[in-house]
C-alpha cells in the first residue's frame, strides 16, 4: 500500500473513530428525528404554534474528510470540496442555535455559525414567529426563504451530503424580511408568502426593490408532498447565481450589469417527496430567468432526484441507510464550462437518528460538458448536541 493511499484511508478512518469515541463519552442528548412518512410540512422557519415547549441551546458539528480529483479547469461551485486536488480534513459546519417560547403564540430563534473557511462567527438566523393570527403565522427577521424543499431542509436530514446545484445556485438564499405562512383547515395545503430586503444575510439596507417569494404545498396522499415555488428579484443586488458567474470568469457577460443593478431574476420550481416505510424519494426542478436591458437574457435550470432506503443491519431496521442521487445543472447559453452532472452513491449510518450519523459517499462529478472529472470521496460525521 502506498503512503498516499494509506493516508487517504487511514486518516479519515481514525478521524471518524475518534469523533465517535468522543460522543460516546459525552452525556446523552435528545435524539434527532429523521423525517417520517405522514402529513408534515417543510416550513423555512421553526414554528410551534400552540405547543409551548422549553427552549434551550443546541450545538451542531459537522466534520469531514474528503478527496477530490485534481483538474486545473475545475469550476468553482461555492461548496467546500470544489478546489482542485482538495484532500484534507475540515470542520465543515459549526453552529450554535438558541430557541425560546415565552407564550403559546410567540417563538424566538437565533443561530450563529462559523463554517469552513470563515474566520469568525456570524448571524445565520435571527427571527421571531407570532402565531396569534386566526388564519396563519407571521415571522419577522433573518431566515431561509420558502423555496425548494432541499434548501429548506437541514442537510443532516438529507440523504445526500451535498445539496443539488439548482437548490443552491438558482433560488433566493437567507435574507432579512417578513414571512406569512400557514396551512388550510383540512391540513392538505400549506402556503408561504414573503418579502425580503434583497441584500442577503446581515445587511439591513432597505433601498431598492424587495425580493418576493411564494411557495404552495399540497399533501396529495399520506406519503406524498408536492411543492411549487416562485421568486422575483428585481434590480438584483445579491444572489448566489451572481456569485457563481463572477467567480468563474463572467462567462455570461453579466458582471457590469449586476454592478449597476440592471439585472432582474425570476425563479420558479417544483419539488416532491414520497416516503413509504424505509424508502424515500426526493425530486425537484428549478429554473431562473435572468434579464437585463441590452442583454440577450439567460435561462438557467437544474433538476435532481435522490433515493434512500434503510436496510437491516445488526438486527436494527433504522441504522444503515443506502443512498443515491443524480442531478444536472445548465447555466444557460454561452457557459458550457458550468454545465454539470453529478451522480452520488453511498451509505449513512445513523448512530442516533439524524443527530449522530456517519456518511461515506462517492460523487462522480462530470463537468464542463464532460471535459472535467472532479470525483469526490467524502467521509462525514454529524453530531447535534442538545
Protein backbone atom coordinates (compact mmCIF):
# COMPACT_ATOMS: atom_id res chain seq x y z
CA UNK A 1 0.00 0.00 0.00
CA UNK A 2 1.49 3.36 -1.00
CA UNK A 3 1.89 6.16 1.54
CA UNK A 4 -0.61 8.35 -0.33
CA UNK A 5 -3.25 5.61 -0.41
CA UNK A 6 -2.67 4.79 3.25
CA UNK A 7 -3.14 8.44 4.16
CA UNK A 8 -6.44 8.61 2.27
CA UNK A 9 -7.82 5.53 4.02
CA UNK A 10 -6.30 5.53 7.50
CA UNK A 11 -6.55 9.24 8.32
CA UNK A 12 -10.31 9.54 7.70
CA UNK A 13 -10.99 6.24 9.48
CA UNK A 14 -9.06 7.37 12.57
CA UNK A 15 -10.79 10.79 12.46
CA UNK A 16 -14.29 9.33 12.48
CA UNK A 17 -13.40 6.69 15.07
CA UNK A 18 -12.10 9.42 17.37
CA UNK A 19 -15.23 11.51 16.93
CA UNK A 20 -17.48 8.54 17.63
CA UNK A 21 -15.47 7.70 20.74
CA UNK A 22 -15.79 11.31 21.87
CA UNK A 23 -19.56 11.37 21.51
CA UNK A 24 -19.86 8.10 23.47
CA UNK A 25 -18.13 9.80 26.40
CA UNK A 26 -20.48 12.78 26.39
CA UNK A 27 -23.86 12.96 28.17
CA UNK A 28 -26.71 11.63 26.02
CA UNK A 29 -28.87 14.29 24.34
CA UNK A 30 -32.31 14.30 22.80
CA UNK A 31 -32.49 12.10 19.75
CA UNK A 32 -32.63 13.97 16.44
CA UNK A 33 -35.54 12.58 14.49
CA UNK A 34 -35.32 11.95 10.78
CA UNK A 35 -38.44 12.81 8.77
CA UNK A 36 -41.04 10.05 8.81
CA UNK A 37 -43.96 9.24 6.48
CA UNK A 38 -47.18 11.11 7.08
CA UNK A 39 -48.66 14.57 6.94
CA UNK A 40 -45.86 17.08 7.53
CA UNK A 41 -44.87 20.47 6.14
CA UNK A 42 -41.49 21.99 5.34
CA UNK A 43 -41.65 25.49 6.73
CA UNK A 44 -38.42 27.51 6.31
CA UNK A 45 -38.61 28.67 9.94
CA UNK A 46 -39.05 26.86 13.24
CA UNK A 47 -42.71 27.01 14.27
CA UNK A 48 -44.53 25.63 17.31
CA UNK A 49 -47.84 27.50 17.48
CA UNK A 50 -49.97 26.42 20.43
CA UNK A 51 -47.36 23.99 21.72
CA UNK A 52 -45.31 25.62 24.49
CA UNK A 53 -42.02 23.79 24.94
CA UNK A 54 -38.84 24.56 26.82
CA UNK A 55 -36.24 26.08 24.54
CA UNK A 56 -32.53 25.98 25.04
CA UNK A 57 -29.19 25.77 23.32
CA UNK A 58 -28.30 23.36 20.53
CA UNK A 59 -24.82 22.85 19.11
CA UNK A 60 -24.04 21.19 15.79
CA UNK A 61 -20.70 19.97 14.49
CA UNK A 62 -20.04 18.52 11.05
CA UNK A 63 -16.60 17.03 10.47
CA UNK A 64 -15.49 15.93 7.01
CA UNK A 65 -12.54 14.31 5.34
CA UNK A 66 -12.70 14.32 1.54
CA UNK A 67 -10.56 13.77 -1.51
CA UNK A 68 -11.28 15.44 -4.86
CA UNK A 69 -9.51 14.70 -8.13
CA UNK A 70 -7.13 17.38 -9.34
CA UNK A 71 -8.10 19.22 -12.54
CA UNK A 72 -6.94 22.81 -13.19
CA UNK A 73 -10.09 23.56 -15.22
CA UNK A 74 -12.44 22.73 -12.36
CA UNK A 75 -15.28 25.25 -11.95
CA UNK A 76 -15.96 26.93 -8.61
CA UNK A 77 -19.28 25.66 -7.27
CA UNK A 78 -19.33 27.60 -3.98
CA UNK A 79 -19.07 24.37 -1.96
CA UNK A 80 -16.32 23.23 0.38
CA UNK A 81 -14.95 20.43 -1.79
CA UNK A 82 -14.70 22.30 -5.08
CA UNK A 83 -10.97 23.04 -5.02
CA UNK A 84 -8.86 21.08 -7.49
CA UNK A 85 -6.93 18.33 -5.77
CA UNK A 86 -8.63 19.02 -2.46
CA UNK A 87 -7.55 16.33 0.00
CA UNK A 88 -7.89 17.23 3.64
CA UNK A 89 -9.95 17.29 6.84
CA UNK A 90 -12.16 20.26 7.70
CA UNK A 91 -14.76 21.22 10.28
CA UNK A 92 -17.35 21.84 7.62
CA UNK A 93 -20.03 23.30 9.87
CA UNK A 94 -20.09 24.65 13.39
CA UNK A 95 -23.49 26.01 14.50
CA UNK A 96 -24.92 27.24 17.79
CA UNK A 97 -28.70 27.72 17.97
CA UNK A 98 -31.00 29.01 20.71
CA UNK A 99 -34.80 28.99 20.87
CA UNK A 100 -37.29 30.28 23.41
CA UNK A 101 -41.08 30.17 23.54
CA UNK A 102 -42.33 32.66 26.14
CA UNK A 103 -46.01 32.11 25.29
CA UNK A 104 -48.34 29.95 23.21
CA UNK A 105 -48.17 32.45 20.34
CA UNK A 106 -44.53 33.56 20.30
CA UNK A 107 -41.30 31.77 19.41
CA UNK A 108 -37.84 33.35 19.19
CA UNK A 109 -34.99 31.61 17.34
CA UNK A 110 -31.34 32.58 16.86
CA UNK A 111 -28.43 30.76 15.25
CA UNK A 112 -24.80 31.68 14.69
CA UNK A 113 -22.28 29.79 12.58
CA UNK A 114 -18.62 29.53 11.76
CA UNK A 115 -18.35 27.22 8.79
CA UNK A 116 -15.28 26.06 6.93
CA UNK A 117 -13.25 28.96 5.54
CA UNK A 118 -14.70 31.59 7.91
CA UNK A 119 -12.57 33.46 10.41
CA UNK A 120 -15.31 34.23 12.93
CA UNK A 121 -18.93 33.54 13.86
CA UNK A 122 -21.76 35.29 12.00
CA UNK A 123 -25.50 35.51 12.44
CA UNK A 124 -27.19 32.78 10.40
CA UNK A 125 -30.79 33.06 11.64
CA UNK A 126 -32.45 35.61 13.91
CA UNK A 127 -36.25 35.82 13.90
CA UNK A 128 -39.48 35.74 15.87
CA UNK A 129 -42.66 33.87 14.90
CA UNK A 130 -46.08 35.03 16.12
CA UNK A 131 -48.98 32.60 15.71
CA UNK A 132 -51.74 34.79 17.19
CA UNK A 133 -53.43 35.27 13.81
CA UNK A 134 -56.56 33.23 13.15
CA UNK A 135 -55.50 32.44 9.59
CA UNK A 136 -51.75 31.91 9.85
CA UNK A 137 -48.39 32.87 11.33
CA UNK A 138 -46.07 35.86 10.93
CA UNK A 139 -42.27 35.57 11.06
CA UNK A 140 -40.00 38.63 11.04
CA UNK A 141 -36.20 38.68 10.94
CA UNK A 142 -33.39 36.88 9.11
CA UNK A 143 -34.42 33.46 7.85
CA UNK A 144 -34.45 30.99 4.99
CA UNK A 145 -36.73 31.91 2.11
CA UNK A 146 -39.57 29.45 1.31
CA UNK A 147 -38.17 27.99 -1.93
CA UNK A 148 -37.36 24.32 -2.62
CA UNK A 149 -37.63 21.57 -0.01
CA UNK A 150 -33.97 20.56 -0.33
CA UNK A 151 -32.85 24.10 0.52
CA UNK A 152 -35.22 24.41 3.48
CA UNK A 153 -34.27 21.05 4.99
CA UNK A 154 -31.27 20.80 7.30
CA UNK A 155 -28.60 18.84 5.48
CA UNK A 156 -28.34 16.32 8.33
CA UNK A 157 -31.81 15.13 7.27
CA UNK A 158 -30.99 14.91 3.57
CA UNK A 159 -29.96 11.55 2.11
CA UNK A 160 -27.08 13.04 0.08
CA UNK A 161 -24.39 15.11 1.79
CA UNK A 162 -24.34 17.88 -0.86
CA UNK A 163 -27.47 19.73 -1.96
CA UNK A 164 -28.12 19.82 -5.72
CA UNK A 165 -26.58 22.74 -7.63
CA UNK A 166 -30.02 24.07 -8.59
CA UNK A 167 -31.12 24.13 -4.92
CA UNK A 168 -28.19 26.43 -4.11
CA UNK A 169 -27.49 28.49 -7.22
CA UNK A 170 -30.94 29.24 -8.64
CA UNK A 171 -33.03 30.18 -5.62
CA UNK A 172 -33.13 33.04 -3.09
CA UNK A 173 -30.92 32.38 -0.10
CA UNK A 174 -31.26 33.57 3.50
CA UNK A 175 -32.40 37.17 3.79
CA UNK A 176 -33.99 39.70 6.14
CA UNK A 177 -37.73 40.23 5.80
CA UNK A 178 -41.23 39.14 6.76
CA UNK A 179 -42.99 35.85 6.04
CA UNK A 180 -46.69 34.96 6.28
CA UNK A 181 -47.33 31.22 6.41
CA UNK A 182 -49.95 28.67 7.41
CA UNK A 183 -51.96 25.61 6.43
CA UNK A 184 -55.54 25.09 5.34
CA UNK A 185 -58.16 23.91 7.83
CA UNK A 186 -58.19 20.41 6.36
CA UNK A 187 -54.39 20.17 6.52
CA UNK A 188 -53.99 19.47 2.80
CA UNK A 189 -52.45 22.76 1.67
CA UNK A 190 -49.56 24.78 3.08
CA UNK A 191 -48.81 28.32 1.92
CA UNK A 192 -45.93 30.78 2.33
CA UNK A 193 -45.55 34.39 1.10
CA UNK A 194 -42.59 36.59 1.97
CA UNK A 195 -40.98 39.95 1.23
CA UNK A 196 -37.23 40.34 1.81
CA UNK A 197 -34.80 43.25 1.59
CA UNK A 198 -32.73 41.57 -1.11
CA UNK A 199 -29.27 42.22 0.34
CA UNK A 200 -28.57 38.76 1.73
CA UNK A 201 -27.62 37.93 5.31
CA UNK A 202 -26.78 40.57 7.91
CA UNK A 203 -27.46 43.53 5.59
CA UNK A 204 -30.17 45.99 6.66
CA UNK A 205 -30.09 48.37 3.68
CA UNK A 206 -33.74 48.87 2.71
CA UNK A 207 -33.14 50.79 -0.53
CA UNK A 208 -34.11 49.12 -3.78
CA UNK A 209 -36.80 46.62 -4.69
CA UNK A 210 -37.56 43.77 -2.27
CA UNK A 211 -37.44 40.09 -3.19
CA UNK A 212 -40.87 38.45 -3.41
CA UNK A 213 -41.03 34.73 -2.65
CA UNK A 214 -44.04 32.39 -2.56
CA UNK A 215 -44.50 28.66 -2.03
CA UNK A 216 -47.52 26.36 -2.13
CA UNK A 217 -47.51 22.79 -0.82
CA UNK A 218 -50.07 20.08 -1.39
CA UNK A 219 -50.34 16.88 0.60
CA UNK A 220 -51.52 14.70 -2.29
CA UNK A 221 -51.50 11.48 -0.25
CA UNK A 222 -50.40 10.50 3.23
CA UNK A 223 -46.87 9.88 1.94
CA UNK A 224 -46.57 12.34 -0.97
CA UNK A 225 -45.99 16.08 -0.65
CA UNK A 226 -45.67 18.34 -3.72
CA UNK A 227 -44.43 21.93 -3.67
CA UNK A 228 -44.44 24.82 -6.18
CA UNK A 229 -42.15 27.83 -5.76
CA UNK A 230 -41.79 31.33 -7.28
CA UNK A 231 -39.49 34.29 -6.62
CA UNK A 232 -38.81 37.69 -8.19
CA UNK A 233 -35.61 39.64 -7.53
CA UNK A 234 -35.74 42.92 -9.47
CA UNK A 235 -32.63 45.08 -9.85
CA UNK A 236 -30.69 42.26 -8.23
CA UNK A 237 -28.26 43.38 -5.57
CA UNK A 238 -27.12 39.95 -4.44
CA UNK A 239 -27.78 36.35 -5.44
CA UNK A 240 -25.92 33.06 -5.42
CA UNK A 241 -26.12 32.88 -9.22
CA UNK A 242 -24.35 36.24 -9.40
CA UNK A 243 -21.56 34.84 -7.23
CA UNK A 244 -21.33 31.75 -9.45
CA UNK A 245 -20.76 33.62 -12.70
CA UNK A 246 -18.50 36.29 -11.14
CA UNK A 247 -16.18 33.67 -9.62
CA UNK A 248 -15.92 31.73 -12.88
CA UNK A 249 -14.73 34.48 -15.22
CA UNK A 250 -18.13 36.05 -16.01
CA UNK A 251 -18.91 33.74 -18.98
CA UNK A 252 -22.38 35.28 -19.44
CA UNK A 253 -21.19 38.89 -19.58
CA UNK A 254 -23.35 39.97 -16.63
CA UNK A 255 -20.81 41.34 -14.14
CA UNK A 256 -21.12 45.00 -15.12
CA UNK A 257 -24.92 44.80 -15.36
CA UNK A 258 -25.11 43.23 -11.89
CA UNK A 259 -22.89 46.00 -10.51
CA UNK A 260 -25.22 48.64 -11.95
CA UNK A 261 -28.32 46.83 -10.61
CA UNK A 262 -29.74 46.33 -14.09
CA UNK A 263 -30.44 42.61 -13.79
CA UNK A 264 -33.83 41.09 -12.91
CA UNK A 265 -34.01 37.47 -11.75
CA UNK A 266 -37.24 35.46 -11.74
CA UNK A 267 -37.21 31.87 -10.49
CA UNK A 268 -39.73 29.08 -10.23
CA UNK A 269 -39.53 25.45 -9.24
CA UNK A 270 -41.33 22.23 -8.41
CA UNK A 271 -40.36 19.66 -5.80
CA UNK A 272 -41.80 16.47 -4.38
CA UNK A 273 -41.03 13.96 -1.66
CA UNK A 274 -42.51 10.48 -1.29
CA UNK A 275 -41.99 8.08 1.59
CA UNK A 276 -43.18 4.53 2.11
CA UNK A 277 -41.77 2.57 5.02
CA UNK A 278 -37.96 2.58 4.82
CA UNK A 279 -37.87 4.17 1.34
CA UNK A 280 -37.75 7.88 0.48
CA UNK A 281 -37.64 9.60 -2.91
CA UNK A 282 -36.82 13.30 -3.38
CA UNK A 283 -37.13 15.10 -6.73
CA UNK A 284 -37.15 18.66 -7.97
CA UNK A 285 -36.71 21.11 -10.84
CA UNK A 286 -35.63 24.75 -10.55
CA UNK A 287 -35.34 27.40 -13.24
CA UNK A 288 -34.18 31.01 -13.21
CA UNK A 289 -34.61 33.63 -15.90
CA UNK A 290 -32.02 36.43 -15.93
CA UNK A 291 -32.92 39.51 -17.96
CA UNK A 292 -31.36 42.96 -18.44
CA UNK A 293 -31.76 45.81 -20.87
CA UNK A 294 -29.49 45.32 -23.88
CA UNK A 295 -28.62 41.73 -22.91
CA UNK A 296 -29.86 38.62 -24.70
CA UNK A 297 -31.05 37.13 -21.41
CA UNK A 298 -30.24 33.78 -19.83
CA UNK A 299 -32.33 30.86 -18.60
CA UNK A 300 -30.54 28.60 -16.15
CA UNK A 301 -32.08 25.36 -14.90
CA UNK A 302 -31.40 22.23 -12.94
CA UNK A 303 -33.11 19.04 -11.81
CA UNK A 304 -32.39 16.33 -9.27
CA UNK A 305 -33.59 13.01 -7.88
CA UNK A 306 -32.48 11.25 -4.71
CA UNK A 307 -33.32 7.83 -3.31
CA UNK A 308 -32.70 6.41 0.15
CA UNK A 309 -33.61 3.11 1.76
CA UNK A 310 -32.96 1.75 5.24
CA UNK A 311 -31.78 -1.86 5.26
CA UNK A 312 -31.43 -4.27 8.22
CA UNK A 313 -28.07 -4.07 9.92
CA UNK A 314 -27.02 -5.94 13.08
CA UNK A 315 -30.65 -6.54 13.99
CA UNK A 316 -31.67 -2.89 13.60
CA UNK A 317 -34.02 -1.56 10.91
CA UNK A 318 -33.20 2.16 11.20
CA UNK A 319 -29.41 2.35 11.30
CA UNK A 320 -27.99 1.71 7.84
CA UNK A 321 -29.32 3.87 5.00
CA UNK A 322 -28.25 3.27 1.39
CA UNK A 323 -28.45 6.44 -0.72
CA UNK A 324 -28.15 7.54 -4.32
CA UNK A 325 -28.54 10.88 -6.05
CA UNK A 326 -28.49 12.31 -9.57
CA UNK A 327 -28.55 15.93 -10.71
CA UNK A 328 -27.99 18.09 -13.76
CA UNK A 329 -27.24 21.81 -13.94
CA UNK A 330 -27.43 24.01 -17.05
CA UNK A 331 -26.29 27.63 -16.54
CA UNK A 332 -27.69 28.81 -19.86
CA UNK A 333 -26.24 29.61 -23.27
CA UNK A 334 -22.57 30.51 -23.70
CA UNK A 335 -21.42 28.95 -20.42
CA UNK A 336 -20.69 25.26 -21.17
CA UNK A 337 -17.92 25.27 -18.58
CA UNK A 338 -20.58 25.49 -15.85
CA UNK A 339 -22.68 22.58 -17.07
CA UNK A 340 -22.60 19.68 -14.64
CA UNK A 341 -23.94 16.20 -14.00
CA UNK A 342 -23.33 14.70 -10.58
CA UNK A 343 -24.02 11.11 -9.53
CA UNK A 344 -23.77 10.19 -5.83
CA UNK A 345 -23.69 6.71 -4.28
CA UNK A 346 -23.09 5.86 -0.66
CA UNK A 347 -24.38 4.95 2.76
CA UNK A 348 -25.28 6.72 6.00
CA UNK A 349 -25.01 5.01 9.36
CA UNK A 350 -27.36 6.54 11.97
CA UNK A 351 -25.92 6.19 15.45
CA UNK A 352 -28.89 8.05 16.91
CA UNK A 353 -31.33 9.26 14.27
CA UNK A 354 -30.05 12.12 12.15
CA UNK A 355 -28.44 13.79 15.17
CA UNK A 356 -25.49 11.38 15.18
CA UNK A 357 -24.53 9.81 11.91
CA UNK A 358 -21.60 8.84 9.71
CA UNK A 359 -21.72 9.26 5.93
CA UNK A 360 -19.50 7.61 3.31
CA UNK A 361 -20.33 8.81 -0.19
CA UNK A 362 -18.78 8.89 -3.64
CA UNK A 363 -19.67 11.74 -6.02
CA UNK A 364 -18.96 11.34 -9.73
CA UNK A 365 -18.73 14.95 -10.98
CA UNK A 366 -19.00 15.22 -14.76
CA UNK A 367 -18.46 18.91 -15.51
CA UNK A 368 -17.75 21.32 -18.39
CA UNK A 369 -19.62 19.15 -20.95
CA UNK A 370 -17.69 16.06 -20.00
CA UNK A 371 -14.23 17.62 -20.18
CA UNK A 372 -13.62 17.81 -16.44
CA UNK A 373 -13.90 14.98 -13.93
CA UNK A 374 -13.58 16.02 -10.30
CA UNK A 375 -14.85 12.98 -8.47
CA UNK A 376 -15.05 13.27 -4.70
CA UNK A 377 -14.92 10.67 -1.94
CA UNK A 378 -16.15 12.03 1.38
CA UNK A 379 -16.39 10.71 4.91
CA UNK A 380 -18.50 12.89 7.17
CA UNK A 381 -19.64 12.81 10.77
CA UNK A 382 -22.64 14.84 12.03
CA UNK A 383 -23.34 15.46 15.69
CA UNK A 384 -26.08 17.59 17.26
CA UNK A 385 -25.69 18.33 20.97
CA UNK A 386 -28.80 19.23 22.97
